[in-house]
Amino acid sequence: MKRTSILAFAAGVTSTAALALLIAAGPDHSHDHDDHGHDMDATTHQPDGEAAPEFDMMAEMAKLATPGPYHQALGIMVGEWTAKTSFMMGPDAPPTEGTGTMSVEWVLGKRYIHSSFKAEFMGQPFEGIGYTGYDNAHEQYVSTWADTMSTKITAMTGGEEAGDSLVMYGTSTTPMGDNPMKIITKFTDANSWTDTFFDKMPGSDEWVQSGTITYTRVIED
């Protein structure tokens, strides 16, 4: 599907959903039934002296769309980074190590950060892109990731755990099938942080560490 078609479809879905919400929050038409001789249930009336609470759909939608402190917390990742990678390709194999770079920037009014990662992995160029944000409605961090080693877009959700770590959960896809995965992000300070990757192998309920990426901020003189 062409990009313009995708954008048009997304816009149509968004407009339809917004219209449905506005209709749902619209005036109460229950009085129409009185014209047909039907009495309204007394329980639907507000007690004397009490006004019915008003629901402002647009105000509530604005709250869901407004960046807050959880979004601001992602700002520590914005910048240019060098990366050291180390991944286990098998239970008895030594780690495969490499280096790379990552660029992180704010997008869409500081609602999300966009990450662009480049490295060399197993002798081949590797690229990946990701988006991370905070979902106000569901009160959780959300992210997507796509790279040149897959045709899948990985979605993850999570939040802060142990007070100083961001833990994201998702599903990894391998030739052996789909496996639960998690990534623990922990900051050493404002200029360095580490992603530690864990997987659950088929038939096991244990988290097994599969790799790490350590990032160091590029500080210009």
N, C-alpha and C. Protein backbone atom coordinates (compact mmCIF):
# COMPACT_ATOMS: atom_id res chain seq x y z
N MET A 1 0.85 -1.18 0.00
CA MET A 1 0.00 0.00 0.00
C MET A 1 0.89 1.24 0.00
N LYS A 2 0.56 2.23 -0.85
CA LYS A 2 1.34 3.44 -0.91
C LYS A 2 1.23 4.22 0.38
N ARG A 3 2.29 5.03 0.64
CA ARG A 3 2.32 5.80 1.89
C ARG A 3 1.12 6.74 1.98
N THR A 4 0.77 7.36 0.83
CA THR A 4 -0.37 8.28 0.86
C THR A 4 -1.65 7.56 1.19
N SER A 5 -1.79 6.32 0.71
CA SER A 5 -2.99 5.54 1.03
C SER A 5 -3.05 5.20 2.50
N ILE A 6 -1.87 4.85 3.08
CA ILE A 6 -1.82 4.52 4.50
C ILE A 6 -2.21 5.73 5.34
N LEU A 7 -1.67 6.92 4.96
CA LEU A 7 -2.00 8.12 5.71
C LEU A 7 -3.47 8.46 5.61
N ALA A 8 -4.03 8.28 4.39
CA ALA A 8 -5.45 8.57 4.21
C ALA A 8 -6.30 7.62 5.02
N PHE A 9 -5.91 6.33 5.04
CA PHE A 9 -6.66 5.34 5.82
C PHE A 9 -6.59 5.67 7.29
N ALA A 10 -5.37 6.02 7.80
CA ALA A 10 -5.22 6.33 9.22
C ALA A 10 -6.04 7.55 9.58
N ALA A 11 -6.03 8.54 8.70
CA ALA A 11 -6.82 9.76 8.97
C ALA A 11 -8.30 9.43 9.02
N GLY A 12 -8.75 8.56 8.11
CA GLY A 12 -10.16 8.19 8.09
C GLY A 12 -10.56 7.45 9.35
N VAL A 13 -9.70 6.52 9.79
CA VAL A 13 -10.01 5.78 11.03
C VAL A 13 -10.06 6.72 12.21
N THR A 14 -9.09 7.65 12.30
CA THR A 14 -9.07 8.59 13.42
C THR A 14 -10.31 9.47 13.43
N SER A 15 -10.70 9.98 12.25
CA SER A 15 -11.87 10.84 12.17
C SER A 15 -13.13 10.09 12.55
N THR A 16 -13.24 8.84 12.07
CA THR A 16 -14.43 8.04 12.38
C THR A 16 -14.52 7.77 13.87
N ALA A 17 -13.37 7.43 14.49
CA ALA A 17 -13.37 7.14 15.92
C ALA A 17 -13.73 8.38 16.72
N ALA A 18 -13.18 9.52 16.33
CA ALA A 18 -13.49 10.76 17.06
C ALA A 18 -14.96 11.10 16.93
N LEU A 19 -15.53 10.92 15.73
CA LEU A 19 -16.94 11.21 15.52
C LEU A 19 -17.81 10.30 16.37
N ALA A 20 -17.42 9.02 16.44
CA ALA A 20 -18.20 8.08 17.25
C ALA A 20 -18.17 8.48 18.72
N LEU A 21 -17.00 8.93 19.21
CA LEU A 21 -16.90 9.35 20.60
C LEU A 21 -17.75 10.58 20.88
N LEU A 22 -17.74 11.51 19.94
CA LEU A 22 -18.53 12.73 20.13
C LEU A 22 -20.02 12.43 20.12
N ILE A 23 -20.44 11.51 19.23
CA ILE A 23 -21.85 11.11 19.19
C ILE A 23 -22.26 10.45 20.49
N ALA A 24 -21.34 9.57 21.00
CA ALA A 24 -21.64 8.87 22.24
C ALA A 24 -21.78 9.83 23.41
N ALA A 25 -21.04 10.94 23.35
CA ALA A 25 -21.09 11.91 24.45
C ALA A 25 -22.10 13.02 24.20
N GLY A 26 -22.90 12.90 23.14
CA GLY A 26 -23.82 13.96 22.75
C GLY A 26 -25.03 14.05 23.65
N PRO A 27 -26.02 14.88 23.24
CA PRO A 27 -27.20 15.12 24.08
C PRO A 27 -27.98 13.84 24.33
N ASP A 28 -28.64 13.80 25.47
CA ASP A 28 -29.48 12.66 25.82
C ASP A 28 -30.79 12.76 25.03
N HIS A 29 -31.06 11.75 24.19
CA HIS A 29 -32.26 11.76 23.37
C HIS A 29 -33.40 10.93 23.98
N SER A 30 -33.25 10.61 25.28
CA SER A 30 -34.26 9.76 25.90
C SER A 30 -35.61 10.45 25.96
N HIS A 31 -35.60 11.80 25.89
CA HIS A 31 -36.88 12.51 25.94
C HIS A 31 -37.73 12.20 24.71
N ASP A 32 -37.10 11.75 23.63
CA ASP A 32 -37.85 11.44 22.43
C ASP A 32 -38.89 10.36 22.69
N HIS A 33 -38.61 9.49 23.66
CA HIS A 33 -39.54 8.40 23.93
C HIS A 33 -40.85 8.92 24.52
N ASP A 34 -40.83 10.11 25.16
CA ASP A 34 -42.05 10.63 25.76
C ASP A 34 -43.11 10.89 24.70
N ASP A 35 -42.68 11.20 23.47
CA ASP A 35 -43.63 11.48 22.41
C ASP A 35 -44.45 10.25 22.03
N HIS A 36 -43.94 9.09 22.41
CA HIS A 36 -44.64 7.85 22.07
C HIS A 36 -45.38 7.26 23.26
N GLY A 37 -45.53 8.09 24.33
CA GLY A 37 -46.36 7.66 25.45
C GLY A 37 -45.63 6.82 26.47
N HIS A 38 -44.28 6.76 26.41
CA HIS A 38 -43.52 5.96 27.37
C HIS A 38 -43.03 6.85 28.49
N ASP A 39 -43.25 6.43 29.76
CA ASP A 39 -42.76 7.17 30.91
C ASP A 39 -41.29 6.87 31.12
N MET A 40 -40.54 7.89 31.51
CA MET A 40 -39.14 7.69 31.83
C MET A 40 -39.02 7.12 33.23
N ASP A 41 -38.00 6.30 33.43
CA ASP A 41 -37.71 5.74 34.74
C ASP A 41 -37.33 6.87 35.68
N ALA A 42 -37.93 6.88 36.86
CA ALA A 42 -37.67 7.96 37.80
C ALA A 42 -36.20 8.01 38.20
N THR A 43 -35.51 6.88 38.12
CA THR A 43 -34.11 6.86 38.53
C THR A 43 -33.24 7.63 37.57
N THR A 44 -33.72 7.99 36.40
CA THR A 44 -32.90 8.73 35.45
C THR A 44 -32.87 10.22 35.76
N HIS A 45 -33.75 10.69 36.67
CA HIS A 45 -33.80 12.10 37.01
C HIS A 45 -32.77 12.42 38.09
N GLN A 46 -32.13 13.58 37.96
CA GLN A 46 -31.22 14.04 39.00
C GLN A 46 -32.05 14.59 40.16
N PRO A 47 -31.60 14.38 41.39
CA PRO A 47 -32.31 14.97 42.54
C PRO A 47 -32.39 16.48 42.38
N ASP A 48 -33.46 17.05 42.97
CA ASP A 48 -33.64 18.50 42.90
C ASP A 48 -32.41 19.21 43.45
N GLY A 49 -31.98 20.24 42.75
CA GLY A 49 -30.86 21.05 43.22
C GLY A 49 -29.50 20.54 42.80
N GLU A 50 -29.44 19.35 42.15
CA GLU A 50 -28.16 18.80 41.71
C GLU A 50 -28.11 18.78 40.19
N ALA A 51 -27.04 19.35 39.63
CA ALA A 51 -26.87 19.38 38.18
C ALA A 51 -26.15 18.12 37.73
N ALA A 52 -26.54 17.62 36.57
CA ALA A 52 -25.87 16.44 36.01
C ALA A 52 -24.43 16.78 35.68
N PRO A 53 -23.48 15.91 36.04
CA PRO A 53 -22.06 16.18 35.72
C PRO A 53 -21.87 16.24 34.22
N GLU A 54 -21.08 17.21 33.78
CA GLU A 54 -20.82 17.35 32.36
C GLU A 54 -19.52 16.65 31.99
N PHE A 55 -19.51 16.01 30.84
CA PHE A 55 -18.33 15.32 30.34
C PHE A 55 -17.86 16.03 29.09
N ASP A 56 -16.69 16.62 29.17
CA ASP A 56 -16.13 17.38 28.05
C ASP A 56 -15.20 16.46 27.27
N MET A 57 -15.73 15.90 26.16
CA MET A 57 -14.97 14.95 25.38
C MET A 57 -13.66 15.53 24.86
N MET A 58 -13.71 16.74 24.33
CA MET A 58 -12.51 17.33 23.76
C MET A 58 -11.45 17.58 24.82
N ALA A 59 -11.89 17.98 26.02
CA ALA A 59 -10.93 18.22 27.11
C ALA A 59 -10.27 16.92 27.53
N GLU A 60 -11.06 15.85 27.60
CA GLU A 60 -10.50 14.56 27.98
C GLU A 60 -9.54 14.03 26.91
N MET A 61 -9.88 14.25 25.65
CA MET A 61 -8.98 13.82 24.58
C MET A 61 -7.69 14.62 24.62
N ALA A 62 -7.79 15.89 24.97
CA ALA A 62 -6.59 16.73 25.08
C ALA A 62 -5.67 16.22 26.19
N LYS A 63 -6.26 15.77 27.30
CA LYS A 63 -5.45 15.22 28.39
C LYS A 63 -4.66 14.01 27.92
N LEU A 64 -5.31 13.14 27.16
CA LEU A 64 -4.64 11.94 26.68
C LEU A 64 -3.51 12.28 25.71
N ALA A 65 -3.62 13.41 25.03
CA ALA A 65 -2.64 13.78 24.01
C ALA A 65 -1.53 14.68 24.54
N THR A 66 -1.60 15.10 25.80
CA THR A 66 -0.64 16.07 26.33
C THR A 66 0.55 15.37 26.97
N PRO A 67 1.78 15.67 26.51
CA PRO A 67 2.97 15.09 27.14
C PRO A 67 3.08 15.52 28.59
N GLY A 68 3.58 14.61 29.43
CA GLY A 68 3.73 14.90 30.84
C GLY A 68 5.09 14.48 31.35
N PRO A 69 5.23 14.32 32.66
CA PRO A 69 6.53 14.00 33.25
C PRO A 69 7.11 12.67 32.79
N TYR A 70 6.25 11.70 32.48
CA TYR A 70 6.78 10.41 32.00
C TYR A 70 7.40 10.56 30.61
N HIS A 71 6.85 11.45 29.80
CA HIS A 71 7.45 11.73 28.50
C HIS A 71 8.77 12.48 28.70
N GLN A 72 8.76 13.47 29.59
CA GLN A 72 9.95 14.27 29.83
C GLN A 72 11.12 13.40 30.30
N ALA A 73 10.81 12.33 31.02
CA ALA A 73 11.87 11.45 31.53
C ALA A 73 12.65 10.79 30.40
N LEU A 74 12.02 10.65 29.23
CA LEU A 74 12.71 10.04 28.09
C LEU A 74 13.78 10.96 27.51
N GLY A 75 13.73 12.23 27.88
CA GLY A 75 14.67 13.20 27.32
C GLY A 75 16.12 12.88 27.61
N ILE A 76 16.39 12.10 28.65
CA ILE A 76 17.77 11.75 28.98
C ILE A 76 18.42 10.93 27.86
N MET A 77 17.59 10.30 27.04
CA MET A 77 18.12 9.48 25.95
C MET A 77 18.41 10.27 24.68
N VAL A 78 17.92 11.49 24.61
CA VAL A 78 18.10 12.28 23.40
C VAL A 78 19.57 12.67 23.24
N GLY A 79 20.11 12.47 22.04
CA GLY A 79 21.50 12.82 21.78
C GLY A 79 22.17 11.82 20.86
N GLU A 80 23.49 11.92 20.77
CA GLU A 80 24.30 11.02 19.96
C GLU A 80 25.06 10.07 20.88
N TRP A 81 25.09 8.79 20.50
CA TRP A 81 25.67 7.77 21.36
C TRP A 81 26.57 6.81 20.58
N THR A 82 27.61 6.31 21.25
CA THR A 82 28.34 5.16 20.75
C THR A 82 27.81 3.93 21.48
N ALA A 83 27.92 2.78 20.85
CA ALA A 83 27.35 1.56 21.43
C ALA A 83 28.35 0.41 21.37
N LYS A 84 28.39 -0.36 22.45
CA LYS A 84 29.15 -1.61 22.48
C LYS A 84 28.15 -2.74 22.66
N THR A 85 28.14 -3.68 21.72
CA THR A 85 27.16 -4.77 21.74
C THR A 85 27.82 -6.09 22.11
N SER A 86 27.08 -6.93 22.79
CA SER A 86 27.54 -8.27 23.15
C SER A 86 26.33 -9.19 23.22
N PHE A 87 26.26 -10.18 22.31
CA PHE A 87 25.10 -11.07 22.25
C PHE A 87 25.54 -12.53 22.19
N MET A 88 24.77 -13.36 22.88
CA MET A 88 25.01 -14.80 22.87
C MET A 88 24.22 -15.42 21.72
N MET A 89 24.92 -16.07 20.80
CA MET A 89 24.25 -16.68 19.66
C MET A 89 23.96 -18.16 19.88
N GLY A 90 24.37 -18.70 21.03
CA GLY A 90 24.11 -20.09 21.36
C GLY A 90 24.52 -20.36 22.78
N PRO A 91 23.98 -21.40 23.43
CA PRO A 91 24.29 -21.66 24.85
C PRO A 91 25.76 -21.94 25.11
N ASP A 92 26.46 -22.48 24.14
CA ASP A 92 27.87 -22.82 24.34
C ASP A 92 28.81 -21.93 23.55
N ALA A 93 28.26 -20.95 22.85
CA ALA A 93 29.10 -20.08 22.01
C ALA A 93 29.56 -18.86 22.79
N PRO A 94 30.77 -18.38 22.50
CA PRO A 94 31.22 -17.15 23.16
C PRO A 94 30.40 -15.96 22.66
N PRO A 95 30.35 -14.87 23.41
CA PRO A 95 29.57 -13.71 22.98
C PRO A 95 30.10 -13.13 21.66
N THR A 96 29.17 -12.67 20.84
CA THR A 96 29.54 -11.95 19.62
C THR A 96 29.50 -10.46 19.94
N GLU A 97 30.67 -9.82 19.83
CA GLU A 97 30.77 -8.43 20.23
C GLU A 97 30.94 -7.51 19.03
N GLY A 98 30.52 -6.26 19.20
CA GLY A 98 30.64 -5.30 18.13
C GLY A 98 30.46 -3.88 18.63
N THR A 99 30.51 -2.94 17.72
CA THR A 99 30.33 -1.54 18.06
C THR A 99 29.32 -0.91 17.11
N GLY A 100 28.76 0.21 17.53
CA GLY A 100 27.80 0.89 16.68
C GLY A 100 27.56 2.31 17.16
N THR A 101 26.58 2.93 16.56
CA THR A 101 26.20 4.30 16.94
C THR A 101 24.68 4.39 17.00
N MET A 102 24.18 5.32 17.79
CA MET A 102 22.75 5.55 17.84
C MET A 102 22.47 7.05 17.98
N SER A 103 21.48 7.52 17.23
CA SER A 103 21.04 8.90 17.30
C SER A 103 19.59 8.91 17.79
N VAL A 104 19.32 9.71 18.82
CA VAL A 104 17.98 9.77 19.41
C VAL A 104 17.49 11.21 19.39
N GLU A 105 16.26 11.42 18.90
CA GLU A 105 15.70 12.77 18.83
C GLU A 105 14.22 12.75 19.21
N TRP A 106 13.74 13.92 19.67
CA TRP A 106 12.31 14.08 19.93
C TRP A 106 11.56 14.17 18.61
N VAL A 107 10.33 13.62 18.59
CA VAL A 107 9.45 13.77 17.44
C VAL A 107 8.02 14.00 17.93
N LEU A 108 7.18 14.53 17.06
CA LEU A 108 5.75 14.72 17.33
C LEU A 108 5.51 15.48 18.63
N GLY A 109 6.15 16.65 18.70
CA GLY A 109 5.90 17.52 19.85
C GLY A 109 6.36 16.95 21.17
N LYS A 110 7.48 16.24 21.17
CA LYS A 110 8.06 15.62 22.37
C LYS A 110 7.11 14.60 23.01
N ARG A 111 6.32 13.94 22.17
CA ARG A 111 5.50 12.83 22.66
C ARG A 111 6.24 11.50 22.56
N TYR A 112 7.18 11.43 21.65
CA TYR A 112 7.96 10.20 21.42
C TYR A 112 9.42 10.56 21.16
N ILE A 113 10.29 9.58 21.39
CA ILE A 113 11.67 9.70 20.92
C ILE A 113 11.85 8.72 19.77
N HIS A 114 12.60 9.14 18.78
CA HIS A 114 12.92 8.31 17.62
C HIS A 114 14.39 7.93 17.70
N SER A 115 14.68 6.63 17.62
CA SER A 115 16.04 6.13 17.70
C SER A 115 16.46 5.54 16.36
N SER A 116 17.68 5.88 15.93
CA SER A 116 18.24 5.32 14.71
C SER A 116 19.58 4.68 15.06
N PHE A 117 19.65 3.36 14.90
CA PHE A 117 20.81 2.58 15.35
C PHE A 117 21.53 1.99 14.15
N LYS A 118 22.87 2.07 14.16
CA LYS A 118 23.68 1.48 13.09
C LYS A 118 24.86 0.74 13.72
N ALA A 119 25.14 -0.45 13.18
CA ALA A 119 26.25 -1.25 13.70
C ALA A 119 26.66 -2.26 12.65
N GLU A 120 27.68 -3.04 13.01
CA GLU A 120 28.06 -4.19 12.20
C GLU A 120 27.87 -5.42 13.07
N PHE A 121 27.09 -6.38 12.57
CA PHE A 121 26.76 -7.56 13.36
C PHE A 121 27.06 -8.81 12.55
N MET A 122 27.94 -9.65 13.09
CA MET A 122 28.36 -10.88 12.42
C MET A 122 28.87 -10.60 11.00
N GLY A 123 29.64 -9.51 10.89
CA GLY A 123 30.25 -9.18 9.62
C GLY A 123 29.34 -8.51 8.62
N GLN A 124 28.10 -8.19 9.03
CA GLN A 124 27.14 -7.58 8.13
C GLN A 124 26.66 -6.24 8.70
N PRO A 125 26.39 -5.27 7.81
CA PRO A 125 25.84 -4.01 8.30
C PRO A 125 24.44 -4.23 8.89
N PHE A 126 24.17 -3.54 9.96
CA PHE A 126 22.89 -3.69 10.67
C PHE A 126 22.33 -2.30 10.94
N GLU A 127 21.04 -2.14 10.69
CA GLU A 127 20.36 -0.88 11.00
C GLU A 127 19.02 -1.17 11.67
N GLY A 128 18.65 -0.29 12.59
CA GLY A 128 17.36 -0.43 13.25
C GLY A 128 16.79 0.93 13.60
N ILE A 129 15.46 1.02 13.67
CA ILE A 129 14.79 2.24 14.07
C ILE A 129 13.73 1.91 15.11
N GLY A 130 13.55 2.84 16.04
CA GLY A 130 12.55 2.60 17.09
C GLY A 130 11.88 3.88 17.52
N TYR A 131 10.70 3.71 18.10
CA TYR A 131 9.95 4.81 18.69
C TYR A 131 9.57 4.40 20.11
N THR A 132 9.73 5.33 21.05
CA THR A 132 9.35 5.06 22.44
C THR A 132 8.57 6.25 22.97
N GLY A 133 7.50 5.96 23.71
CA GLY A 133 6.69 7.01 24.30
C GLY A 133 5.98 6.50 25.54
N TYR A 134 5.08 7.32 26.05
CA TYR A 134 4.28 6.92 27.21
C TYR A 134 2.82 7.09 26.86
N ASP A 135 2.05 6.03 27.09
CA ASP A 135 0.62 6.00 26.78
C ASP A 135 -0.15 6.50 28.00
N ASN A 136 -0.66 7.74 27.91
CA ASN A 136 -1.39 8.31 29.05
C ASN A 136 -2.63 7.50 29.41
N ALA A 137 -3.32 6.98 28.40
CA ALA A 137 -4.58 6.28 28.64
C ALA A 137 -4.37 4.98 29.41
N HIS A 138 -3.33 4.23 29.04
CA HIS A 138 -3.09 2.93 29.66
C HIS A 138 -1.97 2.97 30.70
N GLU A 139 -1.40 4.15 30.90
CA GLU A 139 -0.41 4.39 31.94
C GLU A 139 0.75 3.40 31.86
N GLN A 140 1.38 3.37 30.69
CA GLN A 140 2.53 2.51 30.51
C GLN A 140 3.41 3.04 29.37
N TYR A 141 4.69 2.69 29.43
CA TYR A 141 5.58 3.03 28.33
C TYR A 141 5.31 2.08 27.16
N VAL A 142 5.49 2.59 25.95
CA VAL A 142 5.25 1.80 24.75
C VAL A 142 6.41 2.02 23.79
N SER A 143 6.74 1.01 22.99
CA SER A 143 7.80 1.17 22.00
C SER A 143 7.56 0.24 20.82
N THR A 144 8.14 0.63 19.69
CA THR A 144 8.17 -0.24 18.52
C THR A 144 9.60 -0.27 18.00
N TRP A 145 9.95 -1.38 17.33
CA TRP A 145 11.31 -1.55 16.82
C TRP A 145 11.26 -2.34 15.51
N ALA A 146 12.05 -1.90 14.54
CA ALA A 146 12.20 -2.62 13.27
C ALA A 146 13.65 -2.54 12.85
N ASP A 147 14.17 -3.61 12.25
CA ASP A 147 15.58 -3.60 11.83
C ASP A 147 15.79 -4.48 10.60
N THR A 148 17.03 -4.49 10.14
CA THR A 148 17.36 -5.18 8.88
C THR A 148 17.55 -6.68 9.05
N MET A 149 17.40 -7.22 10.25
CA MET A 149 17.51 -8.66 10.46
C MET A 149 16.14 -9.32 10.54
N SER A 150 15.07 -8.54 10.26
CA SER A 150 13.73 -9.10 10.37
C SER A 150 12.78 -8.29 9.50
N THR A 151 11.62 -8.90 9.20
CA THR A 151 10.54 -8.16 8.55
C THR A 151 9.41 -7.89 9.52
N LYS A 152 9.69 -8.08 10.80
CA LYS A 152 8.69 -7.90 11.85
C LYS A 152 8.90 -6.58 12.56
N ILE A 153 7.82 -5.92 12.94
CA ILE A 153 7.87 -4.78 13.84
C ILE A 153 7.55 -5.27 15.25
N THR A 154 8.50 -5.14 16.15
CA THR A 154 8.32 -5.62 17.52
C THR A 154 7.72 -4.51 18.37
N ALA A 155 6.65 -4.83 19.07
CA ALA A 155 6.00 -3.89 19.98
C ALA A 155 6.25 -4.33 21.42
N MET A 156 6.53 -3.36 22.29
CA MET A 156 6.80 -3.67 23.68
C MET A 156 6.08 -2.67 24.58
N THR A 157 5.75 -3.11 25.78
CA THR A 157 5.13 -2.25 26.78
C THR A 157 5.80 -2.52 28.13
N GLY A 158 5.74 -1.53 29.01
CA GLY A 158 6.34 -1.74 30.32
C GLY A 158 6.31 -0.50 31.18
N GLY A 159 7.21 -0.46 32.15
CA GLY A 159 7.25 0.66 33.07
C GLY A 159 8.46 0.58 33.96
N GLU A 160 8.52 1.46 34.95
CA GLU A 160 9.64 1.50 35.87
C GLU A 160 9.51 0.39 36.89
N GLU A 161 10.64 -0.27 37.15
CA GLU A 161 10.68 -1.30 38.18
C GLU A 161 11.94 -1.08 39.02
N ALA A 162 11.85 -1.42 40.28
CA ALA A 162 12.96 -1.28 41.23
C ALA A 162 13.44 0.17 41.34
N GLY A 163 12.59 1.11 40.89
CA GLY A 163 12.88 2.51 41.10
C GLY A 163 13.86 3.16 40.15
N ASP A 164 14.77 2.38 39.55
CA ASP A 164 15.80 3.00 38.71
C ASP A 164 15.96 2.31 37.36
N SER A 165 15.05 1.45 37.00
CA SER A 165 15.17 0.72 35.74
C SER A 165 13.84 0.77 34.98
N LEU A 166 13.95 0.85 33.66
CA LEU A 166 12.78 0.74 32.80
C LEU A 166 12.77 -0.67 32.23
N VAL A 167 11.67 -1.39 32.44
CA VAL A 167 11.58 -2.78 31.98
C VAL A 167 10.46 -2.87 30.95
N MET A 168 10.81 -3.33 29.75
CA MET A 168 9.87 -3.45 28.65
C MET A 168 9.70 -4.92 28.27
N TYR A 169 8.45 -5.32 28.02
CA TYR A 169 8.14 -6.72 27.69
C TYR A 169 7.56 -6.81 26.28
N GLY A 170 7.93 -7.88 25.59
CA GLY A 170 7.41 -8.10 24.25
C GLY A 170 7.60 -9.55 23.84
N THR A 171 7.57 -9.78 22.53
CA THR A 171 7.73 -11.13 21.98
C THR A 171 8.77 -11.09 20.88
N SER A 172 9.78 -11.96 21.01
CA SER A 172 10.80 -12.07 19.96
C SER A 172 10.43 -13.23 19.04
N THR A 173 10.82 -13.11 17.79
CA THR A 173 10.53 -14.15 16.81
C THR A 173 11.84 -14.72 16.28
N THR A 174 12.01 -16.04 16.38
CA THR A 174 13.21 -16.73 15.91
C THR A 174 12.78 -17.88 15.01
N PRO A 175 13.75 -18.53 14.35
CA PRO A 175 13.39 -19.71 13.55
C PRO A 175 12.69 -20.81 14.36
N MET A 176 12.86 -20.76 15.70
CA MET A 176 12.23 -21.77 16.56
C MET A 176 10.83 -21.36 16.99
N GLY A 177 10.42 -20.12 16.65
CA GLY A 177 9.09 -19.66 17.01
C GLY A 177 9.14 -18.37 17.81
N ASP A 178 8.01 -18.01 18.41
CA ASP A 178 7.91 -16.80 19.22
C ASP A 178 8.25 -17.09 20.67
N ASN A 179 9.02 -16.17 21.28
CA ASN A 179 9.42 -16.32 22.68
C ASN A 179 9.19 -15.01 23.43
N PRO A 180 8.78 -15.09 24.70
CA PRO A 180 8.72 -13.87 25.51
C PRO A 180 10.11 -13.24 25.65
N MET A 181 10.15 -11.92 25.64
CA MET A 181 11.42 -11.23 25.81
C MET A 181 11.21 -10.01 26.70
N LYS A 182 12.30 -9.53 27.29
CA LYS A 182 12.24 -8.28 28.03
C LYS A 182 13.58 -7.57 27.90
N ILE A 183 13.53 -6.26 28.01
CA ILE A 183 14.72 -5.43 27.97
C ILE A 183 14.72 -4.56 29.22
N ILE A 184 15.80 -4.63 29.97
CA ILE A 184 15.95 -3.79 31.16
C ILE A 184 16.92 -2.66 30.83
N THR A 185 16.43 -1.43 30.93
CA THR A 185 17.27 -0.26 30.67
C THR A 185 17.65 0.38 32.00
N LYS A 186 18.96 0.52 32.21
CA LYS A 186 19.43 1.10 33.47
C LYS A 186 20.51 2.14 33.17
N PHE A 187 20.36 3.32 33.79
CA PHE A 187 21.31 4.40 33.59
C PHE A 187 22.39 4.38 34.67
N THR A 188 23.63 4.49 34.21
CA THR A 188 24.74 4.66 35.15
C THR A 188 24.78 6.11 35.60
N ASP A 189 24.62 7.01 34.63
CA ASP A 189 24.51 8.44 34.89
C ASP A 189 23.87 9.05 33.65
N ALA A 190 23.90 10.38 33.52
CA ALA A 190 23.24 11.05 32.40
C ALA A 190 23.92 10.78 31.06
N ASN A 191 25.15 10.21 31.10
CA ASN A 191 25.91 10.02 29.87
C ASN A 191 26.21 8.56 29.54
N SER A 192 25.61 7.64 30.26
CA SER A 192 25.83 6.22 29.95
C SER A 192 24.66 5.38 30.47
N TRP A 193 24.28 4.38 29.69
CA TRP A 193 23.20 3.48 30.09
C TRP A 193 23.34 2.15 29.36
N THR A 194 22.70 1.14 29.88
CA THR A 194 22.82 -0.21 29.33
C THR A 194 21.45 -0.85 29.14
N ASP A 195 21.26 -1.46 27.98
CA ASP A 195 20.10 -2.31 27.73
C ASP A 195 20.54 -3.76 27.90
N THR A 196 19.85 -4.49 28.78
CA THR A 196 20.15 -5.91 28.96
C THR A 196 18.95 -6.71 28.46
N PHE A 197 19.22 -7.67 27.57
CA PHE A 197 18.18 -8.43 26.89
C PHE A 197 18.02 -9.81 27.53
N PHE A 198 16.75 -10.21 27.70
CA PHE A 198 16.44 -11.52 28.26
C PHE A 198 15.39 -12.20 27.38
N ASP A 199 15.47 -13.54 27.31
CA ASP A 199 14.49 -14.33 26.57
C ASP A 199 14.08 -15.53 27.41
N LYS A 200 12.88 -16.03 27.12
CA LYS A 200 12.44 -17.32 27.67
C LYS A 200 12.46 -18.33 26.52
N MET A 201 13.27 -19.36 26.69
CA MET A 201 13.40 -20.35 25.64
C MET A 201 12.18 -21.27 25.61
N PRO A 202 11.91 -21.91 24.45
CA PRO A 202 10.75 -22.82 24.36
C PRO A 202 10.80 -23.90 25.44
N GLY A 203 9.70 -24.08 26.13
CA GLY A 203 9.60 -25.10 27.17
C GLY A 203 10.17 -24.69 28.51
N SER A 204 10.62 -23.44 28.63
CA SER A 204 11.20 -22.98 29.89
C SER A 204 10.48 -21.73 30.37
N ASP A 205 10.45 -21.56 31.70
CA ASP A 205 9.81 -20.37 32.28
C ASP A 205 10.85 -19.45 32.88
N GLU A 206 12.14 -19.71 32.60
CA GLU A 206 13.22 -18.91 33.15
C GLU A 206 13.67 -17.85 32.17
N TRP A 207 13.97 -16.66 32.70
CA TRP A 207 14.55 -15.61 31.88
C TRP A 207 16.03 -15.89 31.72
N VAL A 208 16.51 -15.90 30.48
CA VAL A 208 17.92 -16.14 30.17
C VAL A 208 18.49 -14.90 29.51
N GLN A 209 19.58 -14.39 30.06
CA GLN A 209 20.20 -13.21 29.46
C GLN A 209 20.79 -13.56 28.11
N SER A 210 20.44 -12.76 27.10
CA SER A 210 20.91 -13.05 25.74
C SER A 210 21.86 -12.00 25.19
N GLY A 211 21.96 -10.85 25.85
CA GLY A 211 22.88 -9.85 25.34
C GLY A 211 22.78 -8.53 26.06
N THR A 212 23.72 -7.64 25.73
CA THR A 212 23.72 -6.29 26.29
C THR A 212 24.16 -5.29 25.21
N ILE A 213 23.67 -4.08 25.35
CA ILE A 213 24.19 -2.95 24.58
C ILE A 213 24.46 -1.83 25.58
N THR A 214 25.69 -1.35 25.59
CA THR A 214 26.08 -0.27 26.49
C THR A 214 26.30 0.99 25.65
N TYR A 215 25.64 2.07 26.06
CA TYR A 215 25.70 3.32 25.33
C TYR A 215 26.50 4.37 26.10
N THR A 216 27.31 5.12 25.37
CA THR A 216 28.06 6.24 25.95
C THR A 216 27.78 7.49 25.11
N ARG A 217 27.41 8.56 25.77
CA ARG A 217 27.06 9.79 25.06
C ARG A 217 28.28 10.38 24.36
N VAL A 218 28.07 10.86 23.15
CA VAL A 218 29.11 11.58 22.43
C VAL A 218 29.04 13.04 22.86
N ILE A 219 30.09 13.50 23.53
CA ILE A 219 30.13 14.86 24.04
C ILE A 219 31.09 15.67 23.18
N GLU A 220 30.57 16.69 22.54
CA GLU A 220 31.39 17.52 21.68
C GLU A 220 32.23 18.48 22.50
N ASP A 221 33.46 18.69 22.03
CA ASP A 221 34.36 19.60 22.74
C ASP A 221 33.91 21.04 22.59
